[in-house]
Amino acid sequence: MIVVKIGGSAGVNIEAVCDDAASIIRAGTRLVIVHGASDTTNSLSQRVGLAPRFVTSPSGHTSRRTDRATLEVLQMACRGGFNQRVVEALQSRGVNAIGLSGMDARIWEGTRKDTIRAIEDGRTVLIRDDFTGTIDTVNSPLLTALLDSGLTPVLCPPAISTNHEPINVDADRAAAQTAAALGADRLLLLSNVPGLLRLFPDESSLITRIARTEIKLAQDLAQGRMKKKVLGAIEALEAGVATVVIGDARPGAPITRALEGAGTTFR
């Protein structure tokens, strides 16, 4: 069983990912697909006159500023836009895909953060009206039942809080928790870069393997969105997933290439 997370940034080759996924599923391997929709959300936000905003935590992690209006745009972009695009592409290739958000049947349930800390103009501020959170539980029995019935789940944010509110969650970390809950042996985090780079953005500086003793190095080298991917990889390993690969979703056969070792492999 493999969990594949497709990045939502510009440059990701959705057609290539779905071509490869369909071939792998036809060969008998179960896949669960998770995705974000950052680029789609940015574009839709601009079209409705809501400028995308981001915050950086004191630890250096960047995330989307998600007030209620932004949350509604994210839901449209993720569930109504990117998710259905992936489902359509898989269906056209003979894969009986089903698109679901983390809210549906409480697939991803978690805790909304009371406050988030962000750095603004060199000082730490508290933000209290943000709809972000972390996943505590995954409805693995439902996902297993869908897989057993021949369906391929395609999952996206938001999740649902214990107080029944939609919450924006990081898709890389959601994929990690989904992989752990399903007992997957491999998690692939595919995006628009070849993997973890020693000298970002120099793609020739790709680090191909990270051992457990090098986790701190990986965290120190990661920049921007890569920080969340490395964090997701670490969380998956700690939860029992044997192998995590941060790979490239731009060339052909991106899933197969990642399974063969292209990208940055964490074991």
Protein backbone atom coordinates (compact mmCIF):
# COMPACT_ATOMS: atom_id res chain seq x y z
CA MET A 1 0.00 0.00 0.00
CA ILE A 2 1.35 3.38 -1.03
CA VAL A 3 0.20 6.89 -0.15
CA VAL A 4 1.06 9.47 -2.81
CA LYS A 5 0.85 13.16 -2.01
CA ILE A 6 0.68 15.47 -5.02
CA GLY A 7 1.88 19.02 -4.43
CA GLY A 8 -0.45 21.85 -5.33
CA SER A 9 2.22 24.25 -6.59
CA ALA A 10 2.63 25.42 -10.18
CA GLY A 11 4.59 23.08 -12.43
CA VAL A 12 3.24 19.78 -11.11
CA ASN A 13 2.41 17.44 -14.01
CA ILE A 14 -1.00 16.08 -13.01
CA GLU A 15 -1.40 14.11 -16.26
CA ALA A 16 1.90 12.31 -15.73
CA VAL A 17 1.05 11.51 -12.11
CA CYS A 18 -2.34 10.10 -13.09
CA ASP A 19 -0.90 8.10 -16.01
CA ASP A 20 1.57 6.49 -13.64
CA ALA A 21 -0.98 5.98 -10.87
CA ALA A 22 -3.35 4.21 -13.25
CA SER A 23 -0.61 1.82 -14.41
CA ILE A 24 0.39 1.01 -10.84
CA ILE A 25 -3.20 0.44 -9.73
CA ARG A 26 -3.91 -1.82 -12.72
CA ALA A 27 -0.85 -3.86 -11.71
CA GLY A 28 -2.50 -4.56 -8.35
CA THR A 29 -0.99 -1.99 -5.96
CA ARG A 30 -3.33 -0.03 -3.75
CA LEU A 31 -2.89 3.73 -3.78
CA VAL A 32 -4.36 6.52 -1.70
CA ILE A 33 -3.77 9.95 -3.17
CA VAL A 34 -3.55 13.12 -1.09
CA HIS A 35 -3.13 16.60 -2.51
CA GLY A 36 -2.97 20.26 -1.68
CA ALA A 37 -4.03 23.12 -3.93
CA SER A 38 -1.83 26.09 -3.09
CA ASP A 39 -1.52 27.48 -6.62
CA THR A 40 -5.23 26.97 -7.37
CA THR A 41 -6.16 28.64 -4.08
CA ASN A 42 -3.90 31.60 -4.84
CA SER A 43 -5.40 32.05 -8.30
CA LEU A 44 -8.98 31.77 -7.07
CA SER A 45 -8.29 34.16 -4.18
CA GLN A 46 -7.03 36.78 -6.61
CA ARG A 47 -10.03 36.32 -8.89
CA VAL A 48 -12.46 36.98 -6.02
CA GLY A 49 -10.46 39.97 -4.78
CA LEU A 50 -9.00 38.29 -1.70
CA ALA A 51 -5.22 38.65 -1.78
CA PRO A 52 -3.44 35.47 -0.57
CA ARG A 53 -1.72 35.98 2.78
CA PHE A 54 0.88 33.86 4.51
CA VAL A 55 2.36 33.78 7.97
CA THR A 56 5.73 32.53 9.21
CA SER A 57 5.99 30.89 12.60
CA PRO A 58 8.88 31.60 15.00
CA SER A 59 10.35 28.22 13.94
CA GLY A 60 10.39 29.32 10.29
CA HIS A 61 7.42 27.35 8.94
CA THR A 62 5.26 29.23 6.43
CA SER A 63 1.53 28.59 6.19
CA ARG A 64 -1.54 30.19 4.67
CA ARG A 65 -3.34 32.80 6.77
CA THR A 66 -6.76 31.15 6.93
CA ASP A 67 -9.55 33.40 8.12
CA ARG A 68 -13.14 32.36 7.38
CA ALA A 69 -13.24 33.99 3.93
CA THR A 70 -9.95 32.36 2.92
CA LEU A 71 -11.20 29.02 4.22
CA GLU A 72 -14.20 29.21 1.89
CA VAL A 73 -11.91 29.92 -1.08
CA LEU A 74 -9.64 27.03 -0.08
CA GLN A 75 -12.64 24.67 0.06
CA MET A 76 -13.68 25.70 -3.44
CA ALA A 77 -10.14 25.38 -4.79
CA CYS A 78 -9.30 22.06 -3.12
CA ARG A 79 -12.54 20.10 -3.17
CA GLY A 80 -14.31 21.74 -6.08
CA GLY A 81 -11.29 22.42 -8.28
CA PHE A 82 -8.06 20.47 -7.92
CA ASN A 83 -9.67 17.38 -6.39
CA GLN A 84 -12.19 16.96 -9.17
CA ARG A 85 -9.48 17.51 -11.75
CA VAL A 86 -7.51 14.58 -10.33
CA VAL A 87 -10.62 12.40 -10.07
CA GLU A 88 -11.55 13.19 -13.69
CA ALA A 89 -8.05 12.37 -14.89
CA LEU A 90 -8.03 9.03 -13.05
CA GLN A 91 -11.54 8.10 -14.18
CA SER A 92 -10.55 8.76 -17.80
CA ARG A 93 -7.75 6.22 -17.31
CA GLY A 94 -10.02 3.51 -15.96
CA VAL A 95 -9.41 4.12 -12.25
CA ASN A 96 -12.58 4.29 -10.15
CA ALA A 97 -11.46 7.26 -8.06
CA ILE A 98 -13.53 8.93 -5.37
CA GLY A 99 -12.79 12.50 -4.30
CA LEU A 100 -13.23 13.39 -0.63
CA SER A 101 -12.18 16.18 1.67
CA GLY A 102 -10.90 15.47 5.14
CA MET A 103 -14.25 16.73 6.47
CA ASP A 104 -16.22 13.99 4.72
CA ALA A 105 -17.09 11.21 7.20
CA ARG A 106 -14.50 12.83 9.48
CA ILE A 107 -11.68 11.25 7.47
CA TRP A 108 -9.26 13.70 9.11
CA GLU A 109 -10.34 14.91 12.53
CA GLY A 110 -8.26 17.24 14.62
CA THR A 111 -7.92 20.27 16.81
CA ARG A 112 -8.32 23.86 15.70
CA LYS A 113 -5.54 26.03 17.10
CA ASP A 114 -6.79 28.61 19.61
CA THR A 115 -4.01 30.94 18.53
CA ILE A 116 -1.11 30.86 16.12
CA ARG A 117 2.18 32.66 16.58
CA ALA A 118 3.59 34.58 13.65
CA ILE A 119 6.51 36.87 13.02
CA GLU A 120 5.47 40.30 11.74
CA ASP A 121 7.99 43.13 11.34
CA GLY A 122 10.48 41.26 13.50
CA ARG A 123 8.14 40.67 16.44
CA THR A 124 5.95 37.74 17.50
CA VAL A 125 2.20 38.32 17.31
CA LEU A 126 -0.77 36.14 18.26
CA ILE A 127 -3.54 35.50 15.72
CA ARG A 128 -6.85 34.24 17.11
CA ASP A 129 -9.28 34.10 14.17
CA ASP A 130 -7.38 31.49 12.12
CA PHE A 131 -8.98 28.23 10.99
CA THR A 132 -5.88 26.05 11.01
CA GLY A 133 -5.21 22.93 13.00
CA THR A 134 -3.58 19.54 13.28
CA ILE A 135 -4.94 16.07 12.59
CA ASP A 136 -5.41 13.77 15.59
CA THR A 137 -7.22 10.81 13.99
CA VAL A 138 -7.69 9.30 10.54
CA ASN A 139 -10.82 7.34 9.62
CA SER A 140 -8.79 4.39 8.38
CA PRO A 141 -11.72 1.89 8.53
CA LEU A 142 -13.59 3.96 5.95
CA LEU A 143 -10.54 4.32 3.69
CA THR A 144 -9.87 0.58 3.94
CA ALA A 145 -13.50 -0.17 3.07
CA LEU A 146 -13.25 2.07 0.01
CA LEU A 147 -10.06 0.35 -1.10
CA ASP A 148 -11.60 -3.08 -0.50
CA SER A 149 -14.50 -2.12 -2.77
CA GLY A 150 -12.14 -1.20 -5.60
CA LEU A 151 -12.17 2.56 -5.16
CA THR A 152 -9.13 4.84 -5.10
CA PRO A 153 -9.54 7.65 -2.54
CA VAL A 154 -8.33 11.12 -3.53
CA LEU A 155 -8.14 13.23 -0.36
CA CYS A 156 -7.67 16.94 0.26
CA PRO A 157 -8.01 19.59 2.99
CA PRO A 158 -9.82 20.82 4.93
CA ALA A 159 -10.11 18.49 7.91
CA ILE A 160 -12.81 18.80 10.56
CA SER A 161 -12.24 19.86 14.13
CA THR A 162 -13.55 18.15 17.24
CA ASN A 163 -15.89 21.16 17.46
CA HIS A 164 -17.20 20.42 13.93
CA GLU A 165 -15.44 23.33 12.20
CA PRO A 166 -13.49 23.05 8.95
CA ILE A 167 -9.76 23.48 9.56
CA ASN A 168 -6.95 24.01 7.10
CA VAL A 169 -4.28 21.35 7.62
CA ASP A 170 -0.95 20.84 5.93
CA ALA A 171 -1.38 18.24 3.18
CA ASP A 172 2.14 16.79 3.55
CA ARG A 173 1.58 16.10 7.24
CA ALA A 174 -1.94 14.83 6.50
CA ALA A 175 -0.47 12.39 3.99
CA ALA A 176 2.05 11.23 6.60
CA GLN A 177 -0.67 10.55 9.14
CA THR A 178 -2.82 8.82 6.53
CA ALA A 179 0.07 6.56 5.54
CA ALA A 180 0.73 5.66 9.16
CA ALA A 181 -2.95 4.99 9.93
CA LEU A 182 -3.30 2.69 6.91
CA GLY A 183 -0.06 0.83 7.62
CA ALA A 184 1.43 1.91 4.29
CA ASP A 185 5.03 0.89 3.77
CA ARG A 186 5.81 3.84 1.50
CA LEU A 187 4.88 7.51 1.39
CA LEU A 188 5.74 9.61 -1.66
CA LEU A 189 5.68 13.41 -1.39
CA LEU A 190 5.77 14.70 -4.98
CA SER A 191 6.16 18.38 -5.86
CA ASN A 192 7.79 20.77 -8.34
CA VAL A 193 11.36 20.19 -7.14
CA PRO A 194 13.53 17.05 -7.42
CA GLY A 195 13.78 16.63 -3.64
CA LEU A 196 15.70 18.16 -0.76
CA LEU A 197 18.46 20.41 -2.09
CA ARG A 198 21.69 21.11 -0.27
CA LEU A 199 21.99 24.50 -2.00
CA PHE A 200 18.45 25.64 -2.83
CA PRO A 201 17.46 26.39 -5.61
CA ASP A 202 20.35 24.56 -7.33
CA GLU A 203 18.71 21.32 -8.47
CA SER A 204 22.11 19.72 -9.06
CA SER A 205 22.62 19.80 -5.28
CA LEU A 206 19.98 17.12 -4.67
CA ILE A 207 20.50 15.01 -1.56
CA THR A 208 19.50 11.47 -2.51
CA ARG A 209 19.39 9.81 0.92
CA ILE A 210 18.77 10.89 4.49
CA ALA A 211 19.62 8.46 7.28
CA ARG A 212 18.07 8.74 10.75
CA THR A 213 21.29 10.29 12.01
CA GLU A 214 20.95 13.06 9.37
CA ILE A 215 17.42 14.22 10.25
CA LYS A 216 18.69 17.39 11.92
CA LEU A 217 20.72 18.19 8.79
CA ALA A 218 17.62 17.77 6.63
CA GLN A 219 15.65 20.13 8.86
CA ASP A 220 18.41 22.73 8.75
CA LEU A 221 18.72 22.60 4.94
CA ALA A 222 15.01 22.70 4.16
CA GLN A 223 13.66 26.07 3.06
CA GLY A 224 10.14 27.38 2.46
CA ARG A 225 7.56 24.69 1.75
CA MET A 226 10.26 22.01 1.95
CA LYS A 227 10.26 22.44 5.74
CA LYS A 228 6.76 20.95 5.94
CA LYS A 229 7.71 18.09 3.63
CA VAL A 230 10.69 17.18 5.78
CA LEU A 231 8.50 17.42 8.88
CA GLY A 232 5.93 15.15 7.23
CA ALA A 233 8.65 12.66 6.32
CA ILE A 234 9.93 12.59 9.90
CA GLU A 235 6.43 12.15 11.35
CA ALA A 236 5.70 9.28 8.96
CA LEU A 237 8.93 7.47 9.87
CA GLU A 238 8.29 7.93 13.58
CA ALA A 239 4.80 6.46 13.10
CA GLY A 240 6.12 3.32 11.42
CA VAL A 241 6.19 4.05 7.68
CA ALA A 242 9.29 2.28 6.37
CA THR A 243 10.26 4.62 3.53
CA VAL A 244 9.44 8.19 2.57
CA VAL A 245 10.54 9.75 -0.72
CA ILE A 246 10.37 13.46 -1.53
CA GLY A 247 10.27 13.35 -5.32
CA ASP A 248 9.64 15.28 -8.52
CA ALA A 249 6.13 15.48 -10.02
CA ARG A 250 7.25 17.27 -13.20
CA PRO A 251 8.72 14.50 -15.43
CA GLY A 252 6.99 11.40 -16.76
CA ALA A 253 6.32 8.38 -14.51
CA PRO A 254 6.91 10.38 -11.31
CA ILE A 255 5.55 7.70 -8.95
CA THR A 256 7.61 4.93 -10.53
CA ARG A 257 10.71 7.10 -10.52
CA ALA A 258 10.27 7.87 -6.83
CA LEU A 259 9.75 4.19 -6.02
CA GLU A 260 13.01 3.46 -7.88
CA GLY A 261 14.88 5.99 -5.74
CA ALA A 262 14.68 9.25 -7.68
CA GLY A 263 14.44 12.11 -5.20
CA THR A 264 15.38 12.20 -1.53
CA THR A 265 14.77 8.94 0.31
CA PHE A 266 14.23 8.84 4.08
CA ARG A 267 14.48 5.43 5.73
